[in-house]
Amino acid sequence: MTTDPGTPTHETLLDRWLDDLQVLAARLEQVHLPADFPFDYSPGSLAVLERALLDGEHDDAFRRAATAYIGEVLMDVCGGRWDIDPATGGEDGDPLVSPDPALGLPPLSVGTLVDVALAEGSGEVLTRERDRLADAVSERRRTAPGWEPHKERSPLDPIGPQPADAWLQLWLAEREEAHPEWARRVRGSDDPWDGDFTPAGLDLLEQRLRERYGTLAEFDADRESPFLQGAVWYLGQVLCRHHDSTWVYWAIEPDAPRGSHHHAENPWSGIPFTHQPHKRGAAPRDPLEMLRGVIRYGTGHRLTKIIADV
């Protein structure tokens, strides 16, 4: 039997699914679920999601977005990876959770699991499946001490700890050394503002930015100045100390593949920024761009409010 050359291959369908995961998660959060949904990928969130599916209009878009979330929660328990069945699930295939091979479990169709949840209507199907996988993991741990399920990375996983970059380490050390003098100049007197790294301390920095730069052109021309570089470091330190963030720097590499962290077209390459590496769904933050917003958007752009939403 010959394969229709117009039919997407297994690899193509799987790549499409993985590429769509971040968009699906964003739509689930912003379109399909209420604002109070505990979007934390916790076991308890499965029951809340199942109830939302039962109570709402479970159209194909909602079901597909929910499938991405459910699969990630289940793989946090059983490890494994995403796979896809091209023969079912329509033209996009049927997304599968393939548990860690050591468990000896068959691939699980998350779409079928959603169908069962909707048909049963108990609100307990997703949690029951999660508990079944947890029992299998517990049994494997009992028979193989020291074993833990391994999950292949997906686009929805936290970025995890990033390797220390020599340029970043030097930049951070230089900024820390220059900070006392920078803080004295921000204060504008011999009584140094020690820059206590509290969110409230950002009000003075914001005031100095508005006094110093009247236009975006003036701000952009001063990007590499000691004042702005000190401000970038200070704002980033506030994020690191109060919002479980770390500094990250991805050096531009000429031979880096397109789509990688180090490719020149990646907007986050070649700049110091902060991230929450252990938080799923966390977004990177560019302190320089946050400071630029003070000039771009006027008095409605408050740094204390912006970092409160990180």
Protein backbone atom coordinates (compact mmCIF):
# COMPACT_ATOMS: atom_id res chain seq x y z
CA MET A 1 0.00 0.00 0.00
CA THR A 2 1.40 3.39 -0.97
CA THR A 3 1.26 6.45 1.23
CA ASP A 4 -0.49 9.54 -0.04
CA PRO A 5 2.35 12.08 -0.54
CA GLY A 6 0.02 14.78 0.75
CA THR A 7 -0.55 12.99 4.07
CA PRO A 8 1.55 14.44 6.92
CA THR A 9 4.03 12.00 8.40
CA HIS A 10 4.06 10.94 12.04
CA GLU A 11 7.05 13.20 12.64
CA THR A 12 5.33 16.17 11.01
CA LEU A 13 2.18 15.77 13.10
CA LEU A 14 4.19 15.40 16.30
CA ASP A 15 6.27 18.49 15.50
CA ARG A 16 3.08 20.46 14.85
CA TRP A 17 1.63 19.36 18.18
CA LEU A 18 4.76 20.29 20.10
CA ASP A 19 4.94 23.64 18.29
CA ASP A 20 1.32 24.35 19.24
CA LEU A 21 1.66 23.56 22.96
CA GLN A 22 2.56 27.04 24.15
CA VAL A 23 -0.23 28.65 22.12
CA LEU A 24 -2.73 26.08 23.38
CA ALA A 25 -1.72 26.69 26.98
CA ALA A 26 -2.07 30.44 26.50
CA ARG A 27 -5.53 30.05 24.95
CA LEU A 28 -6.60 27.74 27.76
CA GLU A 29 -5.61 30.39 30.29
CA GLN A 30 -6.80 33.49 28.43
CA VAL A 31 -9.88 32.25 26.55
CA HIS A 32 -11.32 29.01 27.87
CA LEU A 33 -10.87 29.09 31.65
CA PRO A 34 -11.95 31.59 34.32
CA ALA A 35 -9.39 33.92 35.88
CA ASP A 36 -9.40 32.01 39.17
CA PHE A 37 -8.36 28.69 37.61
CA PRO A 38 -5.25 27.37 39.44
CA PHE A 39 -3.04 27.30 36.37
CA ASP A 40 -0.24 25.50 38.22
CA TYR A 41 -0.25 22.02 36.65
CA SER A 42 -0.97 20.54 40.07
CA PRO A 43 -2.92 17.31 40.60
CA GLY A 44 -5.73 19.31 42.20
CA SER A 45 -6.15 21.44 39.09
CA LEU A 46 -7.30 18.38 37.10
CA ALA A 47 -10.61 18.19 38.96
CA VAL A 48 -11.18 21.92 38.41
CA LEU A 49 -10.43 21.55 34.70
CA GLU A 50 -12.71 18.53 34.39
CA ARG A 51 -15.54 20.48 36.00
CA ALA A 52 -14.93 23.36 33.59
CA LEU A 53 -15.16 20.92 30.67
CA LEU A 54 -18.42 19.54 32.02
CA ASP A 55 -19.94 22.93 32.75
CA GLY A 56 -18.77 24.78 29.65
CA GLU A 57 -19.14 24.50 25.91
CA HIS A 58 -16.56 21.82 25.22
CA ASP A 59 -15.86 22.69 21.59
CA ASP A 60 -12.89 21.30 19.70
CA ALA A 61 -10.67 24.29 20.52
CA PHE A 62 -11.31 23.94 24.27
CA ARG A 63 -10.80 20.17 24.16
CA ARG A 64 -7.51 20.48 22.27
CA ALA A 65 -6.17 23.11 24.67
CA ALA A 66 -7.28 21.04 27.66
CA THR A 67 -5.54 17.99 26.16
CA ALA A 68 -2.20 19.81 26.26
CA TYR A 69 -2.64 20.77 29.92
CA ILE A 70 -3.88 17.34 31.03
CA GLY A 71 -1.03 15.54 29.29
CA GLU A 72 1.59 17.72 30.96
CA VAL A 73 0.08 17.10 34.42
CA LEU A 74 0.03 13.36 33.82
CA MET A 75 3.64 13.31 32.59
CA ASP A 76 4.71 15.17 35.72
CA VAL A 77 3.69 11.92 37.45
CA CYS A 78 4.65 9.16 35.02
CA GLY A 79 7.42 10.81 33.01
CA GLY A 80 7.70 9.89 29.37
CA ARG A 81 7.01 12.03 26.34
CA TRP A 82 4.41 13.26 23.89
CA ASP A 83 3.62 11.08 20.91
CA ILE A 84 0.86 11.13 18.32
CA ASP A 85 -1.32 8.61 16.52
CA PRO A 86 -1.74 9.72 12.90
CA ALA A 87 -4.54 7.20 12.30
CA THR A 88 -6.99 8.72 14.80
CA GLY A 89 -7.97 12.17 16.00
CA GLY A 90 -8.68 13.63 12.59
CA GLU A 91 -6.24 15.46 10.32
CA ASP A 92 -4.07 16.58 13.26
CA GLY A 93 -3.71 13.09 14.74
CA ASP A 94 -4.42 12.02 18.31
CA PRO A 95 -1.97 13.33 20.97
CA LEU A 96 -0.69 10.56 23.21
CA VAL A 97 1.10 10.48 26.54
CA SER A 98 3.74 7.77 26.37
CA PRO A 99 4.79 7.04 29.99
CA ASP A 100 8.36 6.27 31.02
CA PRO A 101 9.16 2.92 29.33
CA ALA A 102 10.22 1.40 32.66
CA LEU A 103 6.58 1.46 33.76
CA GLY A 104 5.55 -0.88 30.96
CA LEU A 105 2.36 1.07 30.31
CA PRO A 106 0.83 1.61 26.87
CA PRO A 107 0.47 5.10 25.38
CA LEU A 108 -2.53 7.00 26.68
CA SER A 109 -4.84 8.94 24.39
CA VAL A 110 -5.61 12.14 26.27
CA GLY A 111 -8.41 12.95 23.85
CA THR A 112 -10.08 9.63 24.67
CA LEU A 113 -9.64 10.38 28.36
CA VAL A 114 -11.49 13.68 27.86
CA ASP A 115 -14.25 11.82 25.99
CA VAL A 116 -14.63 9.42 28.92
CA ALA A 117 -14.75 12.34 31.37
CA LEU A 118 -17.50 14.04 29.37
CA ALA A 119 -19.49 10.82 28.99
CA GLU A 120 -19.22 9.81 32.64
CA GLY A 121 -19.86 13.28 34.05
CA SER A 122 -18.54 12.40 37.51
CA GLY A 123 -15.80 15.04 37.59
CA GLU A 124 -13.39 12.33 38.80
CA VAL A 125 -12.00 10.76 35.62
CA LEU A 126 -8.86 12.88 35.24
CA THR A 127 -7.90 12.57 38.90
CA ARG A 128 -8.54 8.83 38.79
CA GLU A 129 -6.22 8.44 35.81
CA ARG A 130 -3.56 10.52 37.51
CA ASP A 131 -3.84 8.31 40.63
CA ARG A 132 -3.56 5.16 38.50
CA LEU A 133 -0.30 6.41 37.02
CA ALA A 134 0.96 7.43 40.47
CA ASP A 135 0.27 3.91 41.75
CA ALA A 136 2.30 2.45 38.87
CA VAL A 137 5.18 4.79 39.68
CA SER A 138 5.02 3.84 43.38
CA GLU A 139 5.15 0.15 42.50
CA ARG A 140 8.16 0.68 40.23
CA ARG A 141 9.94 2.59 42.97
CA ARG A 142 9.25 -0.29 45.36
CA THR A 143 10.78 -2.88 43.05
CA ALA A 144 13.62 -0.65 41.78
CA PRO A 145 14.90 1.53 44.65
CA GLY A 146 16.34 4.80 43.42
CA TRP A 147 14.39 4.79 40.18
CA GLU A 148 12.49 7.94 39.20
CA PRO A 149 10.37 8.54 36.12
CA HIS A 150 12.09 10.54 33.39
CA LYS A 151 10.16 13.11 31.40
CA GLU A 152 11.44 14.37 28.08
CA ARG A 153 11.37 18.13 27.87
CA SER A 154 8.42 19.78 26.19
CA PRO A 155 7.85 23.43 25.25
CA LEU A 156 5.67 23.83 28.36
CA ASP A 157 8.37 22.76 30.80
CA PRO A 158 10.25 25.38 32.83
CA ILE A 159 13.51 26.38 31.19
CA GLY A 160 15.39 24.95 34.18
CA PRO A 161 18.77 26.08 35.47
CA GLN A 162 20.83 27.75 32.78
CA PRO A 163 24.60 27.37 32.45
CA ALA A 164 26.68 30.19 33.87
CA ASP A 165 27.83 32.53 31.12
CA ALA A 166 31.23 34.18 31.45
CA TRP A 167 30.02 37.50 29.98
CA LEU A 168 27.05 37.57 32.36
CA GLN A 169 29.19 36.79 35.39
CA LEU A 170 31.57 39.64 34.51
CA TRP A 171 28.70 42.07 33.86
CA LEU A 172 27.02 41.22 37.17
CA ALA A 173 30.29 41.67 39.07
CA GLU A 174 30.95 45.04 37.42
CA ARG A 175 27.45 46.27 38.16
CA GLU A 176 27.59 45.16 41.79
CA GLU A 177 30.92 46.94 42.27
CA ALA A 178 29.58 50.13 40.69
CA HIS A 179 26.30 50.03 42.62
CA PRO A 180 27.22 52.19 45.67
CA GLU A 181 28.32 55.11 43.47
CA TRP A 182 25.34 54.61 41.16
CA ALA A 183 22.97 54.67 44.13
CA ARG A 184 24.59 57.85 45.45
CA ARG A 185 24.02 59.58 42.13
CA VAL A 186 20.41 58.42 41.99
CA ARG A 187 19.87 59.81 45.47
CA GLY A 188 21.52 63.07 44.47
CA SER A 189 23.20 63.78 47.80
CA ASP A 190 26.04 62.62 50.01
CA ASP A 191 23.53 60.58 52.00
CA PRO A 192 23.60 57.54 49.76
CA TRP A 193 20.40 55.79 48.78
CA ASP A 194 21.65 52.32 49.40
CA GLY A 195 19.20 50.81 46.97
CA ASP A 196 17.48 48.45 49.36
CA PHE A 197 16.13 46.33 46.50
CA THR A 198 12.54 46.64 47.65
CA PRO A 199 9.77 47.27 45.13
CA ALA A 200 8.97 50.55 46.90
CA GLY A 201 12.50 51.74 46.18
CA LEU A 202 11.70 51.72 42.47
CA ASP A 203 9.67 54.92 42.81
CA LEU A 204 12.82 57.04 43.12
CA LEU A 205 14.42 55.29 40.15
CA GLU A 206 11.30 55.94 38.10
CA GLN A 207 11.41 59.62 39.05
CA ARG A 208 15.04 59.91 37.95
CA LEU A 209 14.27 58.25 34.62
CA ARG A 210 11.54 60.79 33.87
CA GLU A 211 13.83 63.65 34.83
CA ARG A 212 16.71 62.37 32.72
CA TYR A 213 14.95 61.35 29.49
CA GLY A 214 12.32 63.40 27.73
CA THR A 215 12.07 61.19 24.66
CA LEU A 216 12.64 57.61 23.63
CA ALA A 217 15.43 58.77 21.34
CA GLU A 218 17.29 60.17 24.35
CA PHE A 219 16.75 56.94 26.28
CA ASP A 220 17.88 54.72 23.40
CA ALA A 221 21.01 56.79 22.82
CA ASP A 222 21.97 56.24 26.46
CA ARG A 223 21.44 52.47 26.64
CA GLU A 224 25.08 51.64 27.37
CA SER A 225 25.61 54.45 29.89
CA PRO A 226 26.64 53.61 33.47
CA PHE A 227 23.36 55.11 34.67
CA LEU A 228 21.08 52.90 32.57
CA GLN A 229 23.22 49.80 32.98
CA GLY A 230 23.10 50.35 36.73
CA ALA A 231 19.33 50.77 36.53
CA VAL A 232 18.99 47.54 34.54
CA TRP A 233 20.99 45.64 37.15
CA TYR A 234 19.07 47.19 40.05
CA LEU A 235 15.64 46.39 38.58
CA GLY A 236 16.77 42.87 37.74
CA GLN A 237 18.01 42.37 41.29
CA VAL A 238 14.60 43.40 42.62
CA LEU A 239 13.03 40.74 40.39
CA CYS A 240 15.56 38.14 41.51
CA ARG A 241 15.12 38.84 45.22
CA HIS A 242 11.34 39.19 45.32
CA HIS A 243 10.05 37.09 42.42
CA ASP A 244 12.10 33.88 42.45
CA SER A 245 14.03 34.94 39.36
CA THR A 246 17.60 34.53 38.13
CA TRP A 247 19.75 36.33 35.59
CA VAL A 248 20.13 34.66 32.20
CA TYR A 249 22.28 35.49 29.20
CA TRP A 250 22.27 33.59 25.92
CA ALA A 251 25.28 34.63 23.87
CA ILE A 252 24.69 34.94 20.13
CA GLU A 253 26.36 32.08 18.28
CA PRO A 254 26.77 32.43 14.49
CA ASP A 255 26.23 28.72 13.88
CA ALA A 256 23.30 28.30 16.27
CA PRO A 257 20.29 26.61 14.62
CA ARG A 258 17.25 28.76 13.92
CA GLY A 259 14.82 28.65 16.83
CA SER A 260 17.51 27.98 19.43
CA HIS A 261 18.30 30.22 22.40
CA HIS A 262 21.55 31.41 20.86
CA HIS A 263 20.33 32.23 17.35
CA ALA A 264 20.75 35.89 16.40
CA GLU A 265 17.04 36.24 15.57
CA ASN A 266 15.99 35.18 19.05
CA PRO A 267 14.98 38.50 20.70
CA TRP A 268 16.34 37.24 24.03
CA SER A 269 19.83 36.43 22.77
CA GLY A 270 22.65 38.88 23.43
CA ILE A 271 20.98 40.72 26.36
CA PRO A 272 20.94 40.13 30.12
CA PHE A 273 17.42 39.32 31.30
CA THR A 274 15.67 37.63 34.20
CA HIS A 275 13.62 34.46 34.24
CA GLN A 276 11.91 32.12 36.69
CA PRO A 277 13.62 28.90 35.59
CA HIS A 278 11.63 26.52 37.80
CA LYS A 279 8.19 27.99 37.06
CA ARG A 280 6.15 26.45 34.28
CA GLY A 281 4.77 29.08 31.93
CA ALA A 282 7.04 31.81 33.27
CA ALA A 283 7.94 34.61 30.89
CA PRO A 284 11.38 36.21 30.53
CA ARG A 285 11.70 39.83 31.64
CA ASP A 286 13.93 42.43 30.04
CA PRO A 287 14.71 45.07 32.69
CA LEU A 288 15.95 47.51 30.05
CA GLU A 289 12.66 47.30 28.16
CA MET A 290 10.72 47.69 31.41
CA LEU A 291 12.67 50.88 32.13
CA ARG A 292 12.10 52.07 28.56
CA GLY A 293 8.37 51.74 29.17
CA VAL A 294 8.58 54.48 31.80
CA ILE A 295 9.47 56.93 29.02
CA ARG A 296 7.37 55.34 26.30
CA TYR A 297 4.07 55.07 28.19
CA GLY A 298 4.24 58.00 30.61
CA THR A 299 3.03 58.21 34.18
CA GLY A 300 0.62 55.28 33.79
CA HIS A 301 3.59 52.91 33.49
CA ARG A 302 4.57 52.18 37.08
CA LEU A 303 7.43 49.80 37.77
CA THR A 304 6.00 48.70 41.12
CA LYS A 305 2.77 47.61 39.45
CA ILE A 306 4.53 45.84 36.61
CA ILE A 307 6.79 43.73 38.80
CA ALA A 308 3.85 42.86 41.05
CA ASP A 309 2.42 40.93 38.10
CA VAL A 310 5.58 38.89 37.49
